[in-house]
Amino acid sequence: MSQATVNSHGAVAATSAAETVDADLLQLVTFVVGAEEFAIPILSVHEINRMMEITRVPHSPPFVEGVINLRGRIVPVVDLRKRFGLPKTERDSNNRIVVVEVASRVIGFTVDRVNEVLRIAPNIVEPAPAMISGVDTEFVQGVGKLDDRLLILLDMDKLFGQSELAAMERATAA
């Protein structure tokens, strides 16, 4: 059985489906919000959908864009631009809704574009600097350096804390 190799930048060299990847590698879904590229663990991602109609819910927190009906399940959708304090932009064909599980709750969040699935070595991830392009580092687990790219690894549990999760639950119950 062959093993994937990790280059000097921590990225996995070309692998085929038949190759076994080292269990220590982080598997991440990468996406763009504003000018930054973010990443979250692939295991927290349920699915990635094209933009669909989002129903606004009265009295929901400002960062909650609304809810979607996902095969009969009502899922709250968070606008990551609002959550990060970034200006609103017009939606286009690249926008996606990433559906994740956080604290046993299913949540969607809008992103400008989904890039790829990456496997990186944990040793290329460094602690978050004090400030990252206006994004509150409270939400950041670390920063990964790949060639000329910086990946901001989000901490999903901190991005959606207990008070935010409770507010989203109220929004879906409305």
N, C-alpha and C. Protein backbone atom coordinates (compact mmCIF):
# COMPACT_ATOMS: atom_id res chain seq x y z
N MET A 1 0.85 -1.17 0.00
CA MET A 1 0.00 0.00 0.00
C MET A 1 0.90 1.24 0.00
N SER A 2 0.64 2.19 -0.89
CA SER A 2 1.49 3.38 -0.95
C SER A 2 0.99 4.47 -0.02
N GLN A 3 1.88 5.36 0.37
CA GLN A 3 1.54 6.48 1.24
C GLN A 3 1.67 7.77 0.45
N ALA A 4 0.85 8.75 0.76
CA ALA A 4 0.97 10.07 0.16
C ALA A 4 2.20 10.75 0.74
N THR A 5 2.84 11.59 -0.06
CA THR A 5 4.00 12.31 0.44
C THR A 5 3.63 13.76 0.69
N VAL A 6 4.27 14.33 1.68
CA VAL A 6 4.02 15.73 2.03
C VAL A 6 5.22 16.55 1.59
N ASN A 7 4.96 17.60 0.78
CA ASN A 7 6.08 18.42 0.31
C ASN A 7 6.53 19.38 1.39
N SER A 8 7.53 20.19 1.08
CA SER A 8 8.11 21.09 2.08
C SER A 8 7.13 22.16 2.55
N HIS A 9 6.05 22.36 1.81
CA HIS A 9 5.05 23.36 2.19
C HIS A 9 3.90 22.74 2.98
N GLY A 10 3.97 21.44 3.22
CA GLY A 10 2.94 20.79 4.01
C GLY A 10 1.76 20.28 3.22
N ALA A 11 1.74 20.50 1.92
CA ALA A 11 0.63 20.02 1.10
C ALA A 11 0.94 18.60 0.63
N VAL A 12 -0.09 17.83 0.45
CA VAL A 12 0.08 16.45 0.01
C VAL A 12 0.33 16.42 -1.48
N ALA A 13 1.33 15.66 -1.89
CA ALA A 13 1.61 15.49 -3.31
C ALA A 13 0.46 14.73 -3.94
N ALA A 14 0.39 14.75 -5.25
CA ALA A 14 -0.72 14.12 -5.97
C ALA A 14 -0.99 12.72 -5.45
N THR A 15 -2.26 12.48 -5.14
CA THR A 15 -2.65 11.17 -4.64
C THR A 15 -3.81 10.66 -5.48
N SER A 16 -3.91 9.37 -5.61
CA SER A 16 -5.06 8.80 -6.29
C SER A 16 -5.98 8.22 -5.23
N ALA A 17 -7.18 7.85 -5.63
CA ALA A 17 -8.14 7.31 -4.67
C ALA A 17 -7.62 6.04 -4.03
N ALA A 18 -6.75 5.34 -4.72
CA ALA A 18 -6.24 4.07 -4.20
C ALA A 18 -5.14 4.25 -3.17
N GLU A 19 -4.55 5.45 -3.12
CA GLU A 19 -3.46 5.66 -2.17
C GLU A 19 -4.01 5.95 -0.78
N THR A 20 -3.25 5.54 0.21
CA THR A 20 -3.64 5.79 1.59
C THR A 20 -2.98 7.08 2.06
N VAL A 21 -3.77 7.94 2.68
CA VAL A 21 -3.25 9.21 3.17
C VAL A 21 -2.96 9.06 4.65
N ASP A 22 -1.84 9.61 5.07
CA ASP A 22 -1.44 9.58 6.46
C ASP A 22 -2.57 10.12 7.33
N ALA A 23 -2.94 9.37 8.36
CA ALA A 23 -4.06 9.74 9.22
C ALA A 23 -3.82 11.03 9.97
N ASP A 24 -2.57 11.47 10.08
CA ASP A 24 -2.27 12.70 10.81
C ASP A 24 -2.53 13.96 10.00
N LEU A 25 -2.74 13.84 8.70
CA LEU A 25 -2.98 15.02 7.87
C LEU A 25 -4.35 15.60 8.17
N LEU A 26 -4.43 16.93 8.13
CA LEU A 26 -5.71 17.62 8.30
C LEU A 26 -6.41 17.68 6.95
N GLN A 27 -7.65 17.23 6.89
CA GLN A 27 -8.44 17.33 5.67
C GLN A 27 -9.39 18.51 5.83
N LEU A 28 -9.25 19.48 4.95
CA LEU A 28 -9.97 20.74 5.09
C LEU A 28 -10.72 21.11 3.82
N VAL A 29 -11.86 21.75 3.99
CA VAL A 29 -12.58 22.38 2.88
C VAL A 29 -12.19 23.85 2.93
N THR A 30 -11.75 24.39 1.79
CA THR A 30 -11.33 25.79 1.76
C THR A 30 -12.35 26.62 0.99
N PHE A 31 -12.53 27.86 1.45
CA PHE A 31 -13.49 28.77 0.81
C PHE A 31 -13.03 30.20 1.03
N VAL A 32 -13.61 31.10 0.25
CA VAL A 32 -13.24 32.51 0.29
C VAL A 32 -14.41 33.33 0.81
N VAL A 33 -14.10 34.25 1.72
CA VAL A 33 -15.04 35.27 2.18
C VAL A 33 -14.25 36.57 2.16
N GLY A 34 -14.70 37.53 1.37
CA GLY A 34 -13.94 38.76 1.22
C GLY A 34 -12.63 38.47 0.52
N ALA A 35 -11.54 38.99 1.06
CA ALA A 35 -10.22 38.81 0.45
C ALA A 35 -9.45 37.64 1.04
N GLU A 36 -10.04 36.93 2.00
CA GLU A 36 -9.31 35.88 2.72
C GLU A 36 -9.80 34.48 2.36
N GLU A 37 -8.88 33.52 2.47
CA GLU A 37 -9.22 32.11 2.25
C GLU A 37 -9.28 31.42 3.61
N PHE A 38 -10.39 30.76 3.86
CA PHE A 38 -10.64 30.09 5.13
C PHE A 38 -10.69 28.59 4.92
N ALA A 39 -10.57 27.85 6.02
CA ALA A 39 -10.65 26.39 5.96
C ALA A 39 -11.34 25.87 7.20
N ILE A 40 -12.10 24.79 7.01
CA ILE A 40 -12.73 24.09 8.12
C ILE A 40 -12.53 22.59 7.91
N PRO A 41 -12.56 21.81 8.99
CA PRO A 41 -12.38 20.35 8.84
C PRO A 41 -13.47 19.75 7.97
N ILE A 42 -13.07 18.90 7.06
CA ILE A 42 -14.03 18.29 6.14
C ILE A 42 -15.07 17.46 6.88
N LEU A 43 -14.70 16.90 8.03
CA LEU A 43 -15.64 16.06 8.76
C LEU A 43 -16.81 16.84 9.34
N SER A 44 -16.68 18.16 9.47
CA SER A 44 -17.80 18.96 9.98
C SER A 44 -18.75 19.38 8.86
N VAL A 45 -18.36 19.16 7.60
CA VAL A 45 -19.17 19.58 6.46
C VAL A 45 -20.14 18.48 6.05
N HIS A 46 -21.44 18.82 6.04
CA HIS A 46 -22.46 17.88 5.56
C HIS A 46 -22.57 17.94 4.05
N GLU A 47 -22.65 19.17 3.52
CA GLU A 47 -22.78 19.34 2.08
C GLU A 47 -22.51 20.79 1.72
N ILE A 48 -22.32 21.00 0.42
CA ILE A 48 -22.12 22.34 -0.13
C ILE A 48 -23.15 22.52 -1.23
N ASN A 49 -23.94 23.59 -1.11
CA ASN A 49 -25.03 23.82 -2.07
C ASN A 49 -24.86 25.14 -2.80
N ARG A 50 -25.40 25.18 -4.02
CA ARG A 50 -25.50 26.45 -4.73
C ARG A 50 -26.43 27.35 -3.93
N MET A 51 -26.31 28.64 -4.15
CA MET A 51 -27.17 29.58 -3.46
C MET A 51 -28.63 29.27 -3.81
N MET A 52 -29.47 29.31 -2.80
CA MET A 52 -30.90 29.07 -2.99
C MET A 52 -31.66 30.14 -2.24
N GLU A 53 -32.97 30.11 -2.36
CA GLU A 53 -33.77 31.12 -1.67
C GLU A 53 -33.64 30.95 -0.16
N ILE A 54 -33.31 32.05 0.49
CA ILE A 54 -33.18 32.08 1.94
C ILE A 54 -34.33 32.91 2.48
N THR A 55 -35.12 32.31 3.36
CA THR A 55 -36.28 32.99 3.94
C THR A 55 -35.86 33.75 5.19
N ARG A 56 -36.06 35.05 5.17
CA ARG A 56 -35.71 35.90 6.32
C ARG A 56 -36.65 35.59 7.48
N VAL A 57 -36.10 35.55 8.69
CA VAL A 57 -36.89 35.28 9.89
C VAL A 57 -36.90 36.55 10.74
N PRO A 58 -38.10 37.09 11.03
CA PRO A 58 -38.17 38.31 11.86
C PRO A 58 -37.53 38.09 13.24
N HIS A 59 -36.92 39.13 13.75
CA HIS A 59 -36.33 39.16 15.09
C HIS A 59 -35.15 38.21 15.26
N SER A 60 -34.56 37.77 14.16
CA SER A 60 -33.37 36.92 14.28
C SER A 60 -32.14 37.81 14.40
N PRO A 61 -31.03 37.29 14.92
CA PRO A 61 -29.81 38.10 15.06
C PRO A 61 -29.36 38.62 13.69
N PRO A 62 -28.67 39.75 13.65
CA PRO A 62 -28.27 40.36 12.38
C PRO A 62 -27.44 39.44 11.48
N PHE A 63 -26.61 38.58 12.08
CA PHE A 63 -25.76 37.71 11.26
C PHE A 63 -26.51 36.51 10.68
N VAL A 64 -27.74 36.25 11.17
CA VAL A 64 -28.55 35.16 10.62
C VAL A 64 -29.31 35.70 9.43
N GLU A 65 -28.96 35.19 8.26
CA GLU A 65 -29.58 35.66 7.03
C GLU A 65 -31.02 35.16 6.92
N GLY A 66 -31.27 33.98 7.47
CA GLY A 66 -32.60 33.40 7.40
C GLY A 66 -32.51 31.89 7.51
N VAL A 67 -33.47 31.21 6.90
CA VAL A 67 -33.49 29.75 6.92
C VAL A 67 -33.71 29.21 5.51
N ILE A 68 -33.27 27.97 5.30
CA ILE A 68 -33.54 27.26 4.06
C ILE A 68 -34.24 25.96 4.39
N ASN A 69 -34.96 25.45 3.42
CA ASN A 69 -35.60 24.15 3.54
C ASN A 69 -34.71 23.17 2.79
N LEU A 70 -34.02 22.34 3.54
CA LEU A 70 -33.08 21.38 2.96
C LEU A 70 -33.69 19.99 3.07
N ARG A 71 -34.35 19.59 2.00
CA ARG A 71 -35.03 18.29 1.95
C ARG A 71 -35.93 18.08 3.16
N GLY A 72 -36.73 19.10 3.47
CA GLY A 72 -37.70 19.00 4.56
C GLY A 72 -37.18 19.42 5.92
N ARG A 73 -35.91 19.71 6.01
CA ARG A 73 -35.32 20.15 7.28
C ARG A 73 -35.06 21.65 7.22
N ILE A 74 -35.51 22.37 8.24
CA ILE A 74 -35.29 23.81 8.30
C ILE A 74 -33.91 24.07 8.89
N VAL A 75 -33.07 24.75 8.12
CA VAL A 75 -31.67 24.98 8.51
C VAL A 75 -31.40 26.48 8.55
N PRO A 76 -30.91 27.00 9.69
CA PRO A 76 -30.55 28.42 9.74
C PRO A 76 -29.31 28.68 8.89
N VAL A 77 -29.29 29.87 8.27
CA VAL A 77 -28.16 30.24 7.42
C VAL A 77 -27.54 31.53 7.94
N VAL A 78 -26.25 31.48 8.19
CA VAL A 78 -25.48 32.62 8.70
C VAL A 78 -24.72 33.25 7.54
N ASP A 79 -24.74 34.56 7.48
CA ASP A 79 -23.95 35.30 6.50
C ASP A 79 -22.57 35.54 7.12
N LEU A 80 -21.55 34.83 6.63
CA LEU A 80 -20.22 34.98 7.22
C LEU A 80 -19.65 36.38 7.01
N ARG A 81 -20.07 37.05 5.94
CA ARG A 81 -19.62 38.44 5.75
C ARG A 81 -20.09 39.29 6.94
N LYS A 82 -21.36 39.15 7.31
CA LYS A 82 -21.88 39.92 8.46
C LYS A 82 -21.20 39.47 9.74
N ARG A 83 -21.02 38.17 9.90
CA ARG A 83 -20.41 37.63 11.12
C ARG A 83 -19.00 38.18 11.31
N PHE A 84 -18.29 38.37 10.18
CA PHE A 84 -16.92 38.89 10.24
C PHE A 84 -16.87 40.41 10.15
N GLY A 85 -18.02 41.06 10.03
CA GLY A 85 -18.05 42.52 9.93
C GLY A 85 -17.58 43.05 8.59
N LEU A 86 -17.73 42.25 7.53
CA LEU A 86 -17.32 42.67 6.19
C LEU A 86 -18.50 43.29 5.46
N PRO A 87 -18.24 44.16 4.48
CA PRO A 87 -19.35 44.77 3.74
C PRO A 87 -20.09 43.75 2.88
N LYS A 88 -21.38 44.00 2.71
CA LYS A 88 -22.22 43.13 1.89
C LYS A 88 -21.87 43.33 0.42
N THR A 89 -21.93 42.26 -0.35
CA THR A 89 -21.70 42.35 -1.79
C THR A 89 -22.87 41.68 -2.51
N GLU A 90 -22.97 41.95 -3.80
CA GLU A 90 -24.00 41.30 -4.61
C GLU A 90 -23.65 39.82 -4.75
N ARG A 91 -24.67 38.99 -4.70
CA ARG A 91 -24.47 37.55 -4.88
C ARG A 91 -24.20 37.25 -6.35
N ASP A 92 -23.42 36.20 -6.60
CA ASP A 92 -23.18 35.76 -7.97
C ASP A 92 -23.19 34.24 -8.03
N SER A 93 -22.87 33.71 -9.19
CA SER A 93 -22.95 32.26 -9.40
C SER A 93 -21.91 31.48 -8.61
N ASN A 94 -20.90 32.15 -8.06
CA ASN A 94 -19.88 31.47 -7.26
C ASN A 94 -20.29 31.27 -5.80
N ASN A 95 -21.26 32.04 -5.33
CA ASN A 95 -21.66 31.94 -3.92
C ASN A 95 -22.21 30.55 -3.61
N ARG A 96 -21.93 30.10 -2.40
CA ARG A 96 -22.39 28.78 -1.96
C ARG A 96 -22.88 28.86 -0.53
N ILE A 97 -23.68 27.85 -0.16
CA ILE A 97 -24.08 27.65 1.23
C ILE A 97 -23.39 26.38 1.69
N VAL A 98 -22.52 26.51 2.68
CA VAL A 98 -21.81 25.36 3.25
C VAL A 98 -22.63 24.93 4.47
N VAL A 99 -23.07 23.68 4.46
CA VAL A 99 -23.88 23.14 5.56
C VAL A 99 -22.98 22.30 6.45
N VAL A 100 -22.92 22.68 7.73
CA VAL A 100 -22.02 22.04 8.68
C VAL A 100 -22.78 21.58 9.91
N GLU A 101 -22.11 20.78 10.72
CA GLU A 101 -22.66 20.40 12.02
C GLU A 101 -21.77 21.01 13.09
N VAL A 102 -22.41 21.76 13.99
CA VAL A 102 -21.72 22.39 15.11
C VAL A 102 -22.52 22.09 16.37
N ALA A 103 -21.88 21.49 17.35
CA ALA A 103 -22.54 21.16 18.62
C ALA A 103 -23.85 20.42 18.37
N SER A 104 -23.81 19.43 17.52
CA SER A 104 -24.97 18.58 17.17
C SER A 104 -26.11 19.34 16.50
N ARG A 105 -25.82 20.52 15.96
CA ARG A 105 -26.82 21.30 15.23
C ARG A 105 -26.35 21.49 13.79
N VAL A 106 -27.28 21.43 12.86
CA VAL A 106 -26.96 21.65 11.46
C VAL A 106 -27.20 23.13 11.13
N ILE A 107 -26.17 23.76 10.56
CA ILE A 107 -26.18 25.19 10.25
C ILE A 107 -25.61 25.37 8.85
N GLY A 108 -26.15 26.32 8.12
CA GLY A 108 -25.57 26.70 6.84
C GLY A 108 -24.90 28.05 6.97
N PHE A 109 -23.88 28.29 6.17
CA PHE A 109 -23.32 29.64 6.12
C PHE A 109 -22.92 29.96 4.69
N THR A 110 -23.11 31.24 4.34
CA THR A 110 -22.83 31.67 2.98
C THR A 110 -21.36 32.05 2.84
N VAL A 111 -20.79 31.68 1.70
CA VAL A 111 -19.41 32.03 1.37
C VAL A 111 -19.39 32.59 -0.05
N ASP A 112 -18.35 33.36 -0.35
CA ASP A 112 -18.23 33.94 -1.68
C ASP A 112 -17.90 32.89 -2.73
N ARG A 113 -17.08 31.91 -2.34
CA ARG A 113 -16.66 30.87 -3.28
C ARG A 113 -16.06 29.71 -2.50
N VAL A 114 -16.33 28.49 -2.92
CA VAL A 114 -15.66 27.31 -2.34
C VAL A 114 -14.51 26.97 -3.27
N ASN A 115 -13.33 26.74 -2.69
CA ASN A 115 -12.15 26.47 -3.50
C ASN A 115 -11.90 24.99 -3.73
N GLU A 116 -11.54 24.27 -2.65
CA GLU A 116 -11.10 22.89 -2.83
C GLU A 116 -11.05 22.17 -1.49
N VAL A 117 -10.76 20.88 -1.58
CA VAL A 117 -10.48 20.08 -0.39
C VAL A 117 -8.97 19.88 -0.37
N LEU A 118 -8.36 20.19 0.77
CA LEU A 118 -6.91 20.07 0.92
C LEU A 118 -6.58 19.11 2.04
N ARG A 119 -5.41 18.50 1.92
CA ARG A 119 -4.85 17.72 3.02
C ARG A 119 -3.53 18.40 3.36
N ILE A 120 -3.41 18.85 4.61
CA ILE A 120 -2.17 19.52 5.00
C ILE A 120 -1.61 18.89 6.27
N ALA A 121 -0.32 19.05 6.44
CA ALA A 121 0.33 18.56 7.65
C ALA A 121 0.04 19.53 8.79
N PRO A 122 -0.29 19.01 9.98
CA PRO A 122 -0.59 19.89 11.11
C PRO A 122 0.56 20.82 11.49
N ASN A 123 1.80 20.43 11.19
CA ASN A 123 2.94 21.25 11.61
C ASN A 123 3.08 22.54 10.81
N ILE A 124 2.32 22.72 9.74
CA ILE A 124 2.38 23.99 9.01
C ILE A 124 1.36 24.99 9.55
N VAL A 125 0.55 24.56 10.51
CA VAL A 125 -0.45 25.45 11.11
C VAL A 125 0.18 26.14 12.32
N GLU A 126 0.10 27.46 12.31
CA GLU A 126 0.65 28.26 13.40
C GLU A 126 -0.48 28.95 14.15
N PRO A 127 -0.23 29.37 15.39
CA PRO A 127 -1.26 30.10 16.13
C PRO A 127 -1.66 31.37 15.37
N ALA A 128 -2.89 31.78 15.58
CA ALA A 128 -3.41 32.97 14.89
C ALA A 128 -2.70 34.23 15.35
N PRO A 129 -2.35 35.12 14.41
CA PRO A 129 -1.80 36.41 14.81
C PRO A 129 -2.88 37.26 15.48
N ALA A 130 -2.50 38.37 16.05
CA ALA A 130 -3.44 39.22 16.80
C ALA A 130 -4.59 39.73 15.93
N MET A 131 -4.35 40.00 14.66
CA MET A 131 -5.38 40.55 13.79
C MET A 131 -5.24 39.96 12.40
N ILE A 132 -6.37 39.56 11.81
CA ILE A 132 -6.36 39.01 10.46
C ILE A 132 -7.43 39.73 9.65
N SER A 133 -7.05 40.70 8.87
CA SER A 133 -7.96 41.42 7.96
C SER A 133 -9.33 41.69 8.55
N GLY A 134 -9.37 42.12 9.78
CA GLY A 134 -10.65 42.48 10.38
C GLY A 134 -11.43 41.32 10.96
N VAL A 135 -10.99 40.09 10.73
CA VAL A 135 -11.68 38.92 11.28
C VAL A 135 -11.25 38.75 12.74
N ASP A 136 -12.20 38.63 13.63
CA ASP A 136 -11.91 38.46 15.05
C ASP A 136 -11.15 37.15 15.25
N THR A 137 -9.94 37.24 15.81
CA THR A 137 -9.12 36.03 15.97
C THR A 137 -9.71 35.07 17.00
N GLU A 138 -10.74 35.49 17.70
CA GLU A 138 -11.45 34.59 18.61
C GLU A 138 -12.01 33.40 17.82
N PHE A 139 -12.35 33.62 16.54
CA PHE A 139 -12.92 32.58 15.69
C PHE A 139 -11.87 31.71 15.02
N VAL A 140 -10.60 32.08 15.15
CA VAL A 140 -9.53 31.46 14.37
C VAL A 140 -8.77 30.43 15.20
N GLN A 141 -8.64 29.24 14.66
CA GLN A 141 -7.91 28.16 15.31
C GLN A 141 -6.42 28.27 15.01
N GLY A 142 -6.09 28.73 13.82
CA GLY A 142 -4.70 28.87 13.42
C GLY A 142 -4.60 29.33 11.98
N VAL A 143 -3.37 29.48 11.51
CA VAL A 143 -3.12 29.91 10.13
C VAL A 143 -2.16 28.92 9.50
N GLY A 144 -2.53 28.40 8.33
CA GLY A 144 -1.67 27.48 7.60
C GLY A 144 -1.02 28.18 6.43
N LYS A 145 0.28 27.95 6.25
CA LYS A 145 1.01 28.57 5.14
C LYS A 145 1.27 27.52 4.07
N LEU A 146 0.73 27.77 2.88
CA LEU A 146 0.93 26.89 1.74
C LEU A 146 1.47 27.71 0.58
N ASP A 147 2.69 27.49 0.19
CA ASP A 147 3.31 28.26 -0.89
C ASP A 147 3.05 29.75 -0.67
N ASP A 148 2.29 30.37 -1.59
CA ASP A 148 2.02 31.80 -1.47
C ASP A 148 0.63 32.07 -0.90
N ARG A 149 0.02 31.06 -0.29
CA ARG A 149 -1.33 31.19 0.27
C ARG A 149 -1.30 31.11 1.79
N LEU A 150 -2.21 31.86 2.40
CA LEU A 150 -2.46 31.73 3.83
C LEU A 150 -3.87 31.21 4.01
N LEU A 151 -4.00 30.12 4.74
CA LEU A 151 -5.31 29.55 5.06
C LEU A 151 -5.64 29.89 6.50
N ILE A 152 -6.80 30.48 6.70
CA ILE A 152 -7.25 30.80 8.06
C ILE A 152 -8.16 29.66 8.50
N LEU A 153 -7.71 28.88 9.47
CA LEU A 153 -8.49 27.75 9.97
C LEU A 153 -9.47 28.26 11.02
N LEU A 154 -10.75 28.09 10.74
CA LEU A 154 -11.79 28.58 11.65
C LEU A 154 -12.09 27.56 12.73
N ASP A 155 -12.36 28.04 13.92
CA ASP A 155 -12.81 27.21 15.03
C ASP A 155 -14.33 27.29 15.04
N MET A 156 -14.97 26.26 14.53
CA MET A 156 -16.43 26.27 14.36
C MET A 156 -17.16 26.44 15.69
N ASP A 157 -16.64 25.87 16.76
CA ASP A 157 -17.31 25.98 18.06
C ASP A 157 -17.29 27.42 18.58
N LYS A 158 -16.24 28.17 18.26
CA LYS A 158 -16.18 29.56 18.71
C LYS A 158 -16.91 30.49 17.75
N LEU A 159 -16.92 30.13 16.47
CA LEU A 159 -17.64 30.93 15.48
C LEU A 159 -19.12 30.94 15.79
N PHE A 160 -19.60 29.79 16.23
CA PHE A 160 -21.01 29.65 16.61
C PHE A 160 -21.06 29.22 18.07
N GLY A 161 -20.95 30.19 18.98
CA GLY A 161 -20.99 29.91 20.42
C GLY A 161 -22.39 29.56 20.87
N GLN A 162 -22.53 29.25 22.15
CA GLN A 162 -23.82 28.82 22.69
C GLN A 162 -24.92 29.86 22.51
N SER A 163 -24.60 31.14 22.70
CA SER A 163 -25.63 32.17 22.55
C SER A 163 -26.08 32.29 21.10
N GLU A 164 -25.12 32.19 20.16
CA GLU A 164 -25.47 32.24 18.74
C GLU A 164 -26.29 31.02 18.34
N LEU A 165 -25.89 29.85 18.82
CA LEU A 165 -26.63 28.62 18.51
C LEU A 165 -28.06 28.70 19.04
N ALA A 166 -28.21 29.22 20.26
CA ALA A 166 -29.55 29.36 20.84
C ALA A 166 -30.40 30.33 20.02
N ALA A 167 -29.79 31.43 19.56
CA ALA A 167 -30.51 32.41 18.74
C ALA A 167 -30.93 31.79 17.41
N MET A 168 -30.06 30.97 16.83
CA MET A 168 -30.41 30.30 15.57
C MET A 168 -31.52 29.28 15.78
N GLU A 169 -31.48 28.61 16.91
CA GLU A 169 -32.53 27.64 17.22
C GLU A 169 -33.88 28.33 17.34
N ARG A 170 -33.89 29.50 17.98
CA ARG A 170 -35.14 30.27 18.09
C ARG A 170 -35.62 30.69 16.71
N ALA A 171 -34.68 31.05 15.83
CA ALA A 171 -35.04 31.48 14.48
C ALA A 171 -35.68 30.35 13.69
N THR A 172 -35.17 29.12 13.85
CA THR A 172 -35.74 28.00 13.10
C THR A 172 -37.06 27.54 13.70
N ALA A 173 -37.29 27.85 14.96
CA ALA A 173 -38.55 27.46 15.61
C ALA A 173 -39.67 28.44 15.29
N ALA A 174 -39.30 29.62 14.81
CA ALA A 174 -40.30 30.67 14.53
C ALA A 174 -41.21 30.30 13.38
